[in-house]
């Protein structure tokens, strides 16, 4: 791939499981592995890739829909796993035995270089031990992963400004959530500062951080019970248009799926 940036595929995104694939000239990585090893293997096959070619897994936080397959993939394919210290403490009992040599600390707020990729970590507001997400940099190109946060601080907005692409949370439609069958305590959690971004909130964050470089926004972590792809897509597109962004020619809004990998895209 040389000096031509890198490629990404959102393998799966949603309440049932999340995983993102990133490929550069020197490295092949997953961000989270929130489905079974078998399912992730099948999703990789959809983009003609194999788990034995992976180098590492970066973990955002210890919730099951982000770590379900981490242990089995790490053991089977001898993958390095990166997470911050508190996430490791919370995740360790949940993923089974992973050898000491495969466990790596990636502290929040640091930039780590893996091969030809620079990876920047940043903290978010979510009900987990120490949740952090990532921005990938190579050849003046960047891609941001931002899901599982109740709000997006000014500090984070500054870090992720004007990336070439985003995986941006569009977890729920406010009306569907309020009218839905979840108990009130669960609704309160989702709506809290440590919950998830709604379609509207995710779209407003997008309008605040996108720039001249931005080509794509993937809509991530849609709730199965409290959202629809069509509503999330329309909310993002309409909000961008209202803020004078061309959401048809300049920036593509992309749907994601819990069962189907997005095509590999060169950032």
C-alpha atoms as a PDB file:
ATOM      1  CA  UNK A   1       0.000   0.000   0.000  1.00  0.00           C
ATOM      2  CA  UNK A   2       3.037   2.265   0.347  1.00  0.00           C
ATOM      3  CA  UNK A   3       2.222   5.887   1.050  1.00  0.00           C
ATOM      4  CA  UNK A   4      -1.452   5.632   0.214  1.00  0.00           C
ATOM      5  CA  UNK A   5      -3.053   5.776   3.634  1.00  0.00           C
ATOM      6  CA  UNK A   6      -4.871   2.689   4.855  1.00  0.00           C
ATOM      7  CA  UNK A   7      -8.100   0.705   4.439  1.00  0.00           C
ATOM      8  CA  UNK A   8     -10.972   0.118   6.829  1.00  0.00           C
ATOM      9  CA  UNK A   9     -14.067  -2.063   7.032  1.00  0.00           C
ATOM     10  CA  UNK A  10     -16.754  -1.863   9.696  1.00  0.00           C
ATOM     11  CA  UNK A  11     -17.171  -5.622  10.131  1.00  0.00           C
ATOM     12  CA  UNK A  12     -20.102  -5.297  12.527  1.00  0.00           C
ATOM     13  CA  UNK A  13     -21.699  -2.508  14.489  1.00  0.00           C
ATOM     14  CA  UNK A  14     -24.697  -2.566  16.806  1.00  0.00           C
ATOM     15  CA  UNK A  15     -25.898  -3.502  20.262  1.00  0.00           C
ATOM     16  CA  UNK A  16     -25.215  -7.193  19.561  1.00  0.00           C
ATOM     17  CA  UNK A  17     -21.538  -6.842  18.636  1.00  0.00           C
ATOM     18  CA  UNK A  18     -18.887  -4.468  17.302  1.00  0.00           C
ATOM     19  CA  UNK A  19     -15.666  -4.904  15.360  1.00  0.00           C
ATOM     20  CA  UNK A  20     -13.701  -2.727  12.944  1.00  0.00           C
ATOM     21  CA  UNK A  21     -10.922  -3.911  10.628  1.00  0.00           C
ATOM     22  CA  UNK A  22      -7.965  -1.662   9.710  1.00  0.00           C
ATOM     23  CA  UNK A  23      -5.273  -2.550   7.208  1.00  0.00           C
ATOM     24  CA  UNK A  24      -2.109  -0.661   6.324  1.00  0.00           C
ATOM     25  CA  UNK A  25       0.960  -1.706   4.370  1.00  0.00           C
ATOM     26  CA  UNK A  26       2.472  -3.224   7.517  1.00  0.00           C
ATOM     27  CA  UNK A  27      -0.365  -3.998   9.942  1.00  0.00           C
ATOM     28  CA  UNK A  28      -3.793  -5.642  10.090  1.00  0.00           C
ATOM     29  CA  UNK A  29      -5.773  -4.791  13.207  1.00  0.00           C
ATOM     30  CA  UNK A  30      -9.179  -5.113  14.811  1.00  0.00           C
ATOM     31  CA  UNK A  31     -10.733  -2.470  17.013  1.00  0.00           C
ATOM     32  CA  UNK A  32     -12.824  -4.604  19.387  1.00  0.00           C
ATOM     33  CA  UNK A  33     -14.020  -8.148  18.781  1.00  0.00           C
ATOM     34  CA  UNK A  34     -17.524  -8.146  20.199  1.00  0.00           C
ATOM     35  CA  UNK A  35     -18.786 -11.256  18.410  1.00  0.00           C
ATOM     36  CA  UNK A  36     -17.750 -14.899  18.529  1.00  0.00           C
ATOM     37  CA  UNK A  37     -14.480 -15.882  16.872  1.00  0.00           C
ATOM     38  CA  UNK A  38     -16.488 -17.850  14.307  1.00  0.00           C
ATOM     39  CA  UNK A  39     -18.649 -14.827  13.406  1.00  0.00           C
ATOM     40  CA  UNK A  40     -15.660 -12.519  13.100  1.00  0.00           C
ATOM     41  CA  UNK A  41     -13.942 -15.070  10.869  1.00  0.00           C
ATOM     42  CA  UNK A  42     -17.043 -15.084   8.660  1.00  0.00           C
ATOM     43  CA  UNK A  43     -17.193 -11.289   8.541  1.00  0.00           C
ATOM     44  CA  UNK A  44     -13.507 -11.099   7.578  1.00  0.00           C
ATOM     45  CA  UNK A  45     -14.210 -13.617   4.808  1.00  0.00           C
ATOM     46  CA  UNK A  46     -16.807 -11.194   3.403  1.00  0.00           C
ATOM     47  CA  UNK A  47     -13.929  -8.789   2.651  1.00  0.00           C
ATOM     48  CA  UNK A  48     -11.526 -11.598   1.581  1.00  0.00           C
ATOM     49  CA  UNK A  49      -9.430 -11.455   4.735  1.00  0.00           C
ATOM     50  CA  UNK A  50      -8.449 -14.132   7.281  1.00  0.00           C
ATOM     51  CA  UNK A  51      -7.986 -13.953  11.059  1.00  0.00           C
ATOM     52  CA  UNK A  52      -4.562 -15.627  10.827  1.00  0.00           C
ATOM     53  CA  UNK A  53      -3.304 -12.505   9.026  1.00  0.00           C
ATOM     54  CA  UNK A  54      -4.240 -10.217  11.937  1.00  0.00           C
ATOM     55  CA  UNK A  55      -1.547  -8.668  14.126  1.00  0.00           C
ATOM     56  CA  UNK A  56      -3.457  -7.247  17.082  1.00  0.00           C
ATOM     57  CA  UNK A  57      -6.754  -6.264  18.690  1.00  0.00           C
ATOM     58  CA  UNK A  58      -7.301  -2.815  20.220  1.00  0.00           C
ATOM     59  CA  UNK A  59      -9.995  -2.834  22.909  1.00  0.00           C
ATOM     60  CA  UNK A  60     -12.107   0.229  23.703  1.00  0.00           C
ATOM     61  CA  UNK A  61     -13.818  -1.033  26.883  1.00  0.00           C
ATOM     62  CA  UNK A  62     -14.890  -4.236  28.597  1.00  0.00           C
ATOM     63  CA  UNK A  63     -18.573  -4.504  27.630  1.00  0.00           C
ATOM     64  CA  UNK A  64     -19.469  -7.854  26.082  1.00  0.00           C
ATOM     65  CA  UNK A  65     -20.505  -6.415  22.706  1.00  0.00           C
ATOM     66  CA  UNK A  66     -16.886  -5.245  22.342  1.00  0.00           C
ATOM     67  CA  UNK A  67     -14.853  -8.113  23.841  1.00  0.00           C
ATOM     68  CA  UNK A  68     -16.835 -11.338  23.267  1.00  0.00           C
ATOM     69  CA  UNK A  69     -14.304 -12.783  20.781  1.00  0.00           C
ATOM     70  CA  UNK A  70     -11.115 -11.145  22.078  1.00  0.00           C
ATOM     71  CA  UNK A  71      -9.878 -14.074  24.154  1.00  0.00           C
ATOM     72  CA  UNK A  72     -10.545 -16.828  21.643  1.00  0.00           C
ATOM     73  CA  UNK A  73      -9.009 -14.892  18.729  1.00  0.00           C
ATOM     74  CA  UNK A  74      -5.965 -13.888  20.793  1.00  0.00           C
ATOM     75  CA  UNK A  75      -5.357 -17.496  21.884  1.00  0.00           C
ATOM     76  CA  UNK A  76      -5.992 -19.118  18.523  1.00  0.00           C
ATOM     77  CA  UNK A  77      -3.999 -16.681  16.379  1.00  0.00           C
ATOM     78  CA  UNK A  78      -1.420 -15.469  18.952  1.00  0.00           C
ATOM     79  CA  UNK A  79      -2.571 -11.858  18.643  1.00  0.00           C
ATOM     80  CA  UNK A  80      -1.351  -8.951  20.735  1.00  0.00           C
ATOM     81  CA  UNK A  81      -4.150  -7.246  22.662  1.00  0.00           C
ATOM     82  CA  UNK A  82      -4.002  -3.553  23.631  1.00  0.00           C
ATOM     83  CA  UNK A  83      -6.116  -1.824  26.279  1.00  0.00           C
ATOM     84  CA  UNK A  84      -5.550   0.571  29.140  1.00  0.00           C
ATOM     85  CA  UNK A  85      -4.837  -0.726  32.639  1.00  0.00           C
ATOM     86  CA  UNK A  86      -8.331  -0.339  34.125  1.00  0.00           C
ATOM     87  CA  UNK A  87      -9.926  -1.937  31.070  1.00  0.00           C
ATOM     88  CA  UNK A  88      -7.521  -4.880  31.411  1.00  0.00           C
ATOM     89  CA  UNK A  89      -8.503  -5.281  35.073  1.00  0.00           C
ATOM     90  CA  UNK A  90     -12.195  -5.327  34.153  1.00  0.00           C
ATOM     91  CA  UNK A  91     -11.768  -7.453  31.016  1.00  0.00           C
ATOM     92  CA  UNK A  92      -9.305 -10.081  32.270  1.00  0.00           C
ATOM     93  CA  UNK A  93     -11.832 -12.304  34.091  1.00  0.00           C
ATOM     94  CA  UNK A  94     -14.219 -12.131  31.113  1.00  0.00           C
ATOM     95  CA  UNK A  95     -11.999 -13.270  28.225  1.00  0.00           C
ATOM     96  CA  UNK A  96     -10.224 -16.333  29.610  1.00  0.00           C
ATOM     97  CA  UNK A  97      -6.497 -16.953  29.662  1.00  0.00           C
ATOM     98  CA  UNK A  98      -4.363 -14.707  27.457  1.00  0.00           C
ATOM     99  CA  UNK A  99      -0.615 -15.073  27.835  1.00  0.00           C
ATOM    100  CA  UNK A 100       1.313 -12.310  29.582  1.00  0.00           C
ATOM    101  CA  UNK A 101       3.361 -11.658  26.412  1.00  0.00           C
ATOM    102  CA  UNK A 102       0.186 -10.847  24.452  1.00  0.00           C
ATOM    103  CA  UNK A 103      -1.131  -8.324  26.979  1.00  0.00           C
ATOM    104  CA  UNK A 104      -0.168  -4.736  26.190  1.00  0.00           C
ATOM    105  CA  UNK A 105      -1.024  -1.511  28.010  1.00  0.00           C
ATOM    106  CA  UNK A 106      -2.147   1.387  25.824  1.00  0.00           C
ATOM    107  CA  UNK A 107      -2.743   4.334  28.112  1.00  0.00           C
ATOM    108  CA  UNK A 108      -5.415   6.927  27.505  1.00  0.00           C
ATOM    109  CA  UNK A 109      -4.211  10.108  25.845  1.00  0.00           C
ATOM    110  CA  UNK A 110      -1.134   8.492  24.331  1.00  0.00           C
ATOM    111  CA  UNK A 111      -0.075   7.992  20.715  1.00  0.00           C
ATOM    112  CA  UNK A 112       1.250   4.534  19.906  1.00  0.00           C
ATOM    113  CA  UNK A 113       3.004   3.525  16.692  1.00  0.00           C
ATOM    114  CA  UNK A 114       2.281   0.057  15.313  1.00  0.00           C
ATOM    115  CA  UNK A 115       4.249  -0.504  12.130  1.00  0.00           C
ATOM    116  CA  UNK A 116       3.334   2.347   9.780  1.00  0.00           C
ATOM    117  CA  UNK A 117       0.232   3.436  11.754  1.00  0.00           C
ATOM    118  CA  UNK A 118       0.115   6.071  14.481  1.00  0.00           C
ATOM    119  CA  UNK A 119      -2.790   5.416  16.846  1.00  0.00           C
ATOM    120  CA  UNK A 120      -4.087   8.103  19.177  1.00  0.00           C
ATOM    121  CA  UNK A 121      -6.254   7.144  22.162  1.00  0.00           C
ATOM    122  CA  UNK A 122      -8.780   9.438  23.819  1.00  0.00           C
ATOM    123  CA  UNK A 123     -11.185   9.024  26.715  1.00  0.00           C
ATOM    124  CA  UNK A 124     -14.970   9.072  26.389  1.00  0.00           C
ATOM    125  CA  UNK A 125     -17.913   9.211  28.804  1.00  0.00           C
ATOM    126  CA  UNK A 126     -19.463   5.749  29.165  1.00  0.00           C
ATOM    127  CA  UNK A 127     -20.401   3.425  32.024  1.00  0.00           C
ATOM    128  CA  UNK A 128     -17.290   1.286  31.778  1.00  0.00           C
ATOM    129  CA  UNK A 129     -14.033   1.112  33.790  1.00  0.00           C
ATOM    130  CA  UNK A 130     -11.960   3.505  31.644  1.00  0.00           C
ATOM    131  CA  UNK A 131     -13.391   3.664  28.121  1.00  0.00           C
ATOM    132  CA  UNK A 132     -11.205   5.013  25.326  1.00  0.00           C
ATOM    133  CA  UNK A 133     -11.498   5.184  21.558  1.00  0.00           C
ATOM    134  CA  UNK A 134      -8.983   5.646  18.790  1.00  0.00           C
ATOM    135  CA  UNK A 135      -7.919   7.816  15.887  1.00  0.00           C
ATOM    136  CA  UNK A 136      -5.662   6.248  13.251  1.00  0.00           C
ATOM    137  CA  UNK A 137      -3.091   8.321  11.346  1.00  0.00           C
ATOM    138  CA  UNK A 138      -0.955   7.534   8.291  1.00  0.00           C
ATOM    139  CA  UNK A 139       0.298   9.661   5.368  1.00  0.00           C
ATOM    140  CA  UNK A 140      -1.678  12.707   6.554  1.00  0.00           C
ATOM    141  CA  UNK A 141      -4.885  10.618   6.510  1.00  0.00           C
ATOM    142  CA  UNK A 142      -6.935   9.829   9.589  1.00  0.00           C
ATOM    143  CA  UNK A 143      -9.930   7.769  10.692  1.00  0.00           C
ATOM    144  CA  UNK A 144     -11.815   8.167  13.976  1.00  0.00           C
ATOM    145  CA  UNK A 145     -13.735   5.522  15.917  1.00  0.00           C
ATOM    146  CA  UNK A 146     -16.254   7.122  18.304  1.00  0.00           C
ATOM    147  CA  UNK A 147     -19.131   5.056  19.697  1.00  0.00           C
ATOM    148  CA  UNK A 148     -20.302   4.303  23.251  1.00  0.00           C
ATOM    149  CA  UNK A 149     -20.250   7.781  24.718  1.00  0.00           C
ATOM    150  CA  UNK A 150     -22.998   9.760  26.411  1.00  0.00           C
ATOM    151  CA  UNK A 151     -21.622  13.042  25.164  1.00  0.00           C
ATOM    152  CA  UNK A 152     -18.632  14.367  23.239  1.00  0.00           C
ATOM    153  CA  UNK A 153     -16.521  16.880  25.159  1.00  0.00           C
ATOM    154  CA  UNK A 154     -14.865  19.920  23.612  1.00  0.00           C
ATOM    155  CA  UNK A 155     -11.515  18.240  24.273  1.00  0.00           C
ATOM    156  CA  UNK A 156     -12.473  15.173  22.216  1.00  0.00           C
ATOM    157  CA  UNK A 157     -13.987  17.340  19.471  1.00  0.00           C
ATOM    158  CA  UNK A 158     -10.636  19.093  19.190  1.00  0.00           C
ATOM    159  CA  UNK A 159      -8.733  15.811  18.940  1.00  0.00           C
ATOM    160  CA  UNK A 160     -10.952  14.325  16.213  1.00  0.00           C
ATOM    161  CA  UNK A 161     -11.464  17.413  14.056  1.00  0.00           C
ATOM    162  CA  UNK A 162     -11.246  17.148  10.247  1.00  0.00           C
ATOM    163  CA  UNK A 163     -10.563  13.424   9.900  1.00  0.00           C
ATOM    164  CA  UNK A 164     -10.926  11.738   6.503  1.00  0.00           C
ATOM    165  CA  UNK A 165     -13.510   9.356   7.907  1.00  0.00           C
ATOM    166  CA  UNK A 166     -15.524   8.650  11.058  1.00  0.00           C
ATOM    167  CA  UNK A 167     -17.365   5.762  12.645  1.00  0.00           C
ATOM    168  CA  UNK A 168     -19.821   7.901  14.600  1.00  0.00           C
ATOM    169  CA  UNK A 169     -22.357   6.670  17.113  1.00  0.00           C
ATOM    170  CA  UNK A 170     -26.033   6.871  16.138  1.00  0.00           C
ATOM    171  CA  UNK A 171     -27.365   4.627  18.858  1.00  0.00           C
ATOM    172  CA  UNK A 172     -31.027   5.487  19.227  1.00  0.00           C
ATOM    173  CA  UNK A 173     -33.938   7.542  18.031  1.00  0.00           C
ATOM    174  CA  UNK A 174     -35.151   9.538  21.037  1.00  0.00           C
ATOM    175  CA  UNK A 175     -38.832   8.949  20.276  1.00  0.00           C
ATOM    176  CA  UNK A 176     -38.411   5.196  19.819  1.00  0.00           C
ATOM    177  CA  UNK A 177     -36.390   4.917  23.023  1.00  0.00           C
ATOM    178  CA  UNK A 178     -38.874   6.893  25.115  1.00  0.00           C
ATOM    179  CA  UNK A 179     -41.854   4.915  23.770  1.00  0.00           C
ATOM    180  CA  UNK A 180     -40.058   1.569  23.767  1.00  0.00           C
ATOM    181  CA  UNK A 181     -40.272  -1.432  26.089  1.00  0.00           C
ATOM    182  CA  UNK A 182     -37.038  -0.870  28.040  1.00  0.00           C
ATOM    183  CA  UNK A 183     -37.490  -0.282  31.786  1.00  0.00           C
ATOM    184  CA  UNK A 184     -37.128   3.330  32.848  1.00  0.00           C
ATOM    185  CA  UNK A 185     -33.808   2.649  34.597  1.00  0.00           C
ATOM    186  CA  UNK A 186     -32.315   1.352  31.310  1.00  0.00           C
ATOM    187  CA  UNK A 187     -33.687   4.318  29.390  1.00  0.00           C
ATOM    188  CA  UNK A 188     -32.135   6.670  31.947  1.00  0.00           C
ATOM    189  CA  UNK A 189     -28.767   4.927  31.557  1.00  0.00           C
ATOM    190  CA  UNK A 190     -28.833   5.207  27.751  1.00  0.00           C
ATOM    191  CA  UNK A 191     -29.851   8.875  27.894  1.00  0.00           C
ATOM    192  CA  UNK A 192     -27.295   9.795  30.562  1.00  0.00           C
ATOM    193  CA  UNK A 193     -23.881  11.394  30.116  1.00  0.00           C
ATOM    194  CA  UNK A 194     -22.406   7.894  30.451  1.00  0.00           C
ATOM    195  CA  UNK A 195     -24.757   6.266  27.941  1.00  0.00           C
ATOM    196  CA  UNK A 196     -24.947   6.526  24.167  1.00  0.00           C
ATOM    197  CA  UNK A 197     -25.253   9.301  21.568  1.00  0.00           C
ATOM    198  CA  UNK A 198     -28.669   9.550  19.941  1.00  0.00           C
ATOM    199  CA  UNK A 199     -29.056  10.024  16.197  1.00  0.00           C
ATOM    200  CA  UNK A 200     -29.475  13.751  16.778  1.00  0.00           C
ATOM    201  CA  UNK A 201     -26.507  14.095  19.116  1.00  0.00           C
ATOM    202  CA  UNK A 202     -24.222  12.048  16.856  1.00  0.00           C
ATOM    203  CA  UNK A 203     -25.213  14.183  13.888  1.00  0.00           C
ATOM    204  CA  UNK A 204     -24.535  17.416  15.795  1.00  0.00           C
ATOM    205  CA  UNK A 205     -21.095  16.135  16.838  1.00  0.00           C
ATOM    206  CA  UNK A 206     -20.417  15.334  13.179  1.00  0.00           C
ATOM    207  CA  UNK A 207     -21.309  18.863  12.063  1.00  0.00           C
ATOM    208  CA  UNK A 208     -18.891  20.205  14.645  1.00  0.00           C
ATOM    209  CA  UNK A 209     -15.865  18.046  13.748  1.00  0.00           C
ATOM    210  CA  UNK A 210     -15.963  17.320  10.015  1.00  0.00           C
ATOM    211  CA  UNK A 211     -13.825  19.415   7.688  1.00  0.00           C
ATOM    212  CA  UNK A 212     -12.507  19.747   4.154  1.00  0.00           C
ATOM    213  CA  UNK A 213     -10.796  16.343   4.330  1.00  0.00           C
ATOM    214  CA  UNK A 214     -13.858  14.405   5.470  1.00  0.00           C
ATOM    215  CA  UNK A 215     -15.174  11.911   2.921  1.00  0.00           C
ATOM    216  CA  UNK A 216     -17.257   9.411   4.878  1.00  0.00           C
ATOM    217  CA  UNK A 217     -19.287   9.061   8.052  1.00  0.00           C
ATOM    218  CA  UNK A 218     -20.264   5.528   9.065  1.00  0.00           C
ATOM    219  CA  UNK A 219     -23.268   5.364  11.395  1.00  0.00           C
ATOM    220  CA  UNK A 220     -22.353   3.090  14.291  1.00  0.00           C
ATOM    221  CA  UNK A 221     -23.790   1.125  17.201  1.00  0.00           C
ATOM    222  CA  UNK A 222     -27.447   1.355  16.154  1.00  0.00           C
ATOM    223  CA  UNK A 223     -29.798  -0.104  18.746  1.00  0.00           C
ATOM    224  CA  UNK A 224     -31.818  -3.046  17.463  1.00  0.00           C
ATOM    225  CA  UNK A 225     -34.813  -2.058  19.596  1.00  0.00           C
ATOM    226  CA  UNK A 226     -34.653   1.735  19.521  1.00  0.00           C
ATOM    227  CA  UNK A 227     -33.494   2.720  16.048  1.00  0.00           C
ATOM    228  CA  UNK A 228     -33.861   2.089  12.333  1.00  0.00           C
ATOM    229  CA  UNK A 229     -31.179   2.510   9.685  1.00  0.00           C
ATOM    230  CA  UNK A 230     -33.484   4.755   7.680  1.00  0.00           C
ATOM    231  CA  UNK A 231     -34.096   7.111  10.618  1.00  0.00           C
ATOM    232  CA  UNK A 232     -30.411   7.273  11.575  1.00  0.00           C
ATOM    233  CA  UNK A 233     -29.378   7.905   7.959  1.00  0.00           C
ATOM    234  CA  UNK A 234     -32.013  10.592   7.407  1.00  0.00           C
ATOM    235  CA  UNK A 235     -31.149  12.343  10.683  1.00  0.00           C
ATOM    236  CA  UNK A 236     -27.443  12.518   9.833  1.00  0.00           C
ATOM    237  CA  UNK A 237     -28.049  13.588   6.215  1.00  0.00           C
ATOM    238  CA  UNK A 238     -30.640  16.235   7.101  1.00  0.00           C
ATOM    239  CA  UNK A 239     -28.499  17.656   9.915  1.00  0.00           C
ATOM    240  CA  UNK A 240     -25.435  17.912   7.673  1.00  0.00           C
ATOM    241  CA  UNK A 241     -27.488  19.650   4.972  1.00  0.00           C
ATOM    242  CA  UNK A 242     -28.940  22.110   7.491  1.00  0.00           C
ATOM    243  CA  UNK A 243     -25.382  23.024   8.466  1.00  0.00           C
ATOM    244  CA  UNK A 244     -24.454  23.617   4.811  1.00  0.00           C
ATOM    245  CA  UNK A 245     -22.521  20.391   4.270  1.00  0.00           C
ATOM    246  CA  UNK A 246     -23.072  18.542   1.000  1.00  0.00           C
ATOM    247  CA  UNK A 247     -24.123  15.112   2.282  1.00  0.00           C
ATOM    248  CA  UNK A 248     -24.492  13.742  -1.241  1.00  0.00           C
ATOM    249  CA  UNK A 249     -21.393  14.739  -3.203  1.00  0.00           C
ATOM    250  CA  UNK A 250     -18.881  15.885  -0.576  1.00  0.00           C
ATOM    251  CA  UNK A 251     -19.537  13.530   2.349  1.00  0.00           C
ATOM    252  CA  UNK A 252     -21.030  10.049   2.072  1.00  0.00           C
ATOM    253  CA  UNK A 253     -23.189   8.828   4.945  1.00  0.00           C
ATOM    254  CA  UNK A 254     -22.722   5.053   5.249  1.00  0.00           C
ATOM    255  CA  UNK A 255     -24.932   2.533   7.031  1.00  0.00           C
ATOM    256  CA  UNK A 256     -23.394  -0.298   9.058  1.00  0.00           C
ATOM    257  CA  UNK A 257     -24.837  -3.659  10.009  1.00  0.00           C
ATOM    258  CA  UNK A 258     -24.475  -6.167  12.862  1.00  0.00           C
ATOM    259  CA  UNK A 259     -24.299  -9.086  10.402  1.00  0.00           C
ATOM    260  CA  UNK A 260     -22.719  -7.756   7.233  1.00  0.00           C
ATOM    261  CA  UNK A 261     -19.242  -6.264   6.748  1.00  0.00           C
ATOM    262  CA  UNK A 262     -18.913  -2.932   4.933  1.00  0.00           C
ATOM    263  CA  UNK A 263     -16.739  -3.053   1.813  1.00  0.00           C
ATOM    264  CA  UNK A 264     -13.079  -2.233   2.340  1.00  0.00           C
ATOM    265  CA  UNK A 265     -12.585   1.491   1.844  1.00  0.00           C
ATOM    266  CA  UNK A 266      -9.276   3.255   1.258  1.00  0.00           C
ATOM    267  CA  UNK A 267      -8.967   6.265   3.564  1.00  0.00           C
END
